[in-house]
Amino acid sequence: MIKTKKNVKESFVYLLENKSFKDITVQNIIDTALIKRPTFYKYYKDKYDLAEQLSDEYIQQAKSYLKDRFKEMEDQDLVYVV
């Protein structure tokens, strides 16, 4: 499951680098990911759902990264105050 979803996401990003979103079809995604249509629909409703899930994932990663970076800065500031 994790490997398949990763493959689909990577295929979608690859397609986005080479085509506009409106020109990408589910068929393009499954052809690039080398999966069957039912496998795609097992995880995603359509390309919009895939795009939304991927965007949410990237946003969560960015939030986590920024939280860690600012936490690190706060910790450093405390060392200098003491």
C-alpha atoms as a PDB file:
ATOM      1  CA  MET A   1       0.000   0.000   0.000  1.00  0.00           C
ATOM      2  CA  ILE A   2       2.620   2.573   1.045  1.00  0.00           C
ATOM      3  CA  LYS A   3       4.831   1.709  -1.927  1.00  0.00           C
ATOM      4  CA  THR A   4       1.901   1.928  -4.350  1.00  0.00           C
ATOM      5  CA  LYS A   5       0.723   5.294  -3.035  1.00  0.00           C
ATOM      6  CA  LYS A   6       4.275   6.626  -3.163  1.00  0.00           C
ATOM      7  CA  ASN A   7       4.571   5.441  -6.744  1.00  0.00           C
ATOM      8  CA  VAL A   8       1.293   7.131  -7.706  1.00  0.00           C
ATOM      9  CA  LYS A   9       2.336  10.399  -6.044  1.00  0.00           C
ATOM     10  CA  GLU A  10       5.750  10.367  -7.704  1.00  0.00           C
ATOM     11  CA  SER A  11       4.146   9.637 -11.066  1.00  0.00           C
ATOM     12  CA  PHE A  12       1.696  12.486 -10.583  1.00  0.00           C
ATOM     13  CA  VAL A  13       4.480  14.930  -9.679  1.00  0.00           C
ATOM     14  CA  TYR A  14       6.458  13.762 -12.723  1.00  0.00           C
ATOM     15  CA  LEU A  15       3.438  14.408 -14.934  1.00  0.00           C
ATOM     16  CA  LEU A  16       2.930  17.849 -13.369  1.00  0.00           C
ATOM     17  CA  GLU A  17       6.506  18.708 -14.305  1.00  0.00           C
ATOM     18  CA  ASN A  18       5.749  17.875 -17.933  1.00  0.00           C
ATOM     19  CA  LYS A  19       2.070  18.756 -18.423  1.00  0.00           C
ATOM     20  CA  SER A  20      -0.468  21.175 -17.063  1.00  0.00           C
ATOM     21  CA  PHE A  21      -2.844  19.818 -14.429  1.00  0.00           C
ATOM     22  CA  LYS A  22      -5.850  20.143 -16.725  1.00  0.00           C
ATOM     23  CA  ASP A  23      -4.154  17.939 -19.320  1.00  0.00           C
ATOM     24  CA  ILE A  24      -3.355  15.114 -16.904  1.00  0.00           C
ATOM     25  CA  THR A  25      -5.806  12.228 -16.855  1.00  0.00           C
ATOM     26  CA  VAL A  26      -6.194   9.311 -14.495  1.00  0.00           C
ATOM     27  CA  GLN A  27      -5.111   7.166 -17.440  1.00  0.00           C
ATOM     28  CA  ASN A  28      -1.838   9.148 -17.656  1.00  0.00           C
ATOM     29  CA  ILE A  29      -1.266   8.604 -13.956  1.00  0.00           C
ATOM     30  CA  ILE A  30      -1.926   4.865 -13.995  1.00  0.00           C
ATOM     31  CA  ASP A  31       0.158   4.412 -17.154  1.00  0.00           C
ATOM     32  CA  THR A  32       3.090   6.272 -15.609  1.00  0.00           C
ATOM     33  CA  ALA A  33       2.734   4.497 -12.255  1.00  0.00           C
ATOM     34  CA  LEU A  34       2.302   1.112 -13.975  1.00  0.00           C
ATOM     35  CA  ILE A  35      -0.763   0.240 -11.926  1.00  0.00           C
ATOM     36  CA  LYS A  36      -4.287  -0.834 -12.764  1.00  0.00           C
ATOM     37  CA  ARG A  37      -7.257   1.533 -12.650  1.00  0.00           C
ATOM     38  CA  PRO A  38      -8.928  -0.219  -9.650  1.00  0.00           C
ATOM     39  CA  THR A  39      -5.707   0.243  -7.672  1.00  0.00           C
ATOM     40  CA  PHE A  40      -5.793   3.993  -8.298  1.00  0.00           C
ATOM     41  CA  TYR A  41      -9.446   4.211  -7.265  1.00  0.00           C
ATOM     42  CA  LYS A  42      -8.747   2.176  -4.141  1.00  0.00           C
ATOM     43  CA  TYR A  43      -6.849   5.189  -2.771  1.00  0.00           C
ATOM     44  CA  TYR A  44      -8.160   8.225  -4.685  1.00  0.00           C
ATOM     45  CA  LYS A  45     -11.543   9.396  -5.981  1.00  0.00           C
ATOM     46  CA  ASP A  46      -9.995  11.208  -8.937  1.00  0.00           C
ATOM     47  CA  LYS A  47      -6.996  13.352  -9.862  1.00  0.00           C
ATOM     48  CA  TYR A  48      -8.371  16.204  -7.764  1.00  0.00           C
ATOM     49  CA  ASP A  49      -8.443  14.011  -4.668  1.00  0.00           C
ATOM     50  CA  LEU A  50      -4.871  12.925  -5.380  1.00  0.00           C
ATOM     51  CA  ALA A  51      -3.795  16.559  -5.797  1.00  0.00           C
ATOM     52  CA  GLU A  52      -5.535  17.545  -2.557  1.00  0.00           C
ATOM     53  CA  GLN A  53      -3.999  14.681  -0.561  1.00  0.00           C
ATOM     54  CA  LEU A  54      -0.554  15.441  -1.955  1.00  0.00           C
ATOM     55  CA  SER A  55      -0.941  19.165  -1.199  1.00  0.00           C
ATOM     56  CA  ASP A  56      -2.078  18.388   2.354  1.00  0.00           C
ATOM     57  CA  GLU A  57       0.926  16.110   2.796  1.00  0.00           C
ATOM     58  CA  TYR A  58       3.353  18.791   1.597  1.00  0.00           C
ATOM     59  CA  ILE A  59       1.728  21.403   3.833  1.00  0.00           C
ATOM     60  CA  GLN A  60       2.010  19.105   6.871  1.00  0.00           C
ATOM     61  CA  GLN A  61       5.669  18.422   6.077  1.00  0.00           C
ATOM     62  CA  ALA A  62       6.355  22.160   5.770  1.00  0.00           C
ATOM     63  CA  LYS A  63       4.558  22.893   9.059  1.00  0.00           C
ATOM     64  CA  SER A  64       6.492  20.163  10.837  1.00  0.00           C
ATOM     65  CA  TYR A  65       9.798  21.403   9.410  1.00  0.00           C
ATOM     66  CA  LEU A  66       9.085  25.008  10.401  1.00  0.00           C
ATOM     67  CA  LYS A  67       7.929  23.993  13.864  1.00  0.00           C
ATOM     68  CA  ASP A  68      11.158  22.046  14.397  1.00  0.00           C
ATOM     69  CA  ARG A  69      13.293  24.911  13.066  1.00  0.00           C
ATOM     70  CA  PHE A  70      11.635  27.521  15.273  1.00  0.00           C
ATOM     71  CA  LYS A  71      11.774  25.176  18.266  1.00  0.00           C
ATOM     72  CA  GLU A  72      15.499  24.840  17.643  1.00  0.00           C
ATOM     73  CA  MET A  73      15.828  28.637  17.543  1.00  0.00           C
ATOM     74  CA  GLU A  74      13.824  29.008  20.776  1.00  0.00           C
ATOM     75  CA  ASP A  75      16.084  26.454  22.462  1.00  0.00           C
ATOM     76  CA  GLN A  76      19.167  28.369  21.309  1.00  0.00           C
ATOM     77  CA  ASP A  77      17.730  31.682  22.573  1.00  0.00           C
ATOM     78  CA  LEU A  78      17.184  30.126  26.013  1.00  0.00           C
ATOM     79  CA  VAL A  79      20.818  29.068  26.173  1.00  0.00           C
ATOM     80  CA  TYR A  80      21.941  32.652  25.578  1.00  0.00           C
ATOM     81  CA  VAL A  81      19.529  34.089  28.126  1.00  0.00           C
ATOM     82  CA  VAL A  82      20.754  31.842  30.935  1.00  0.00           C
END
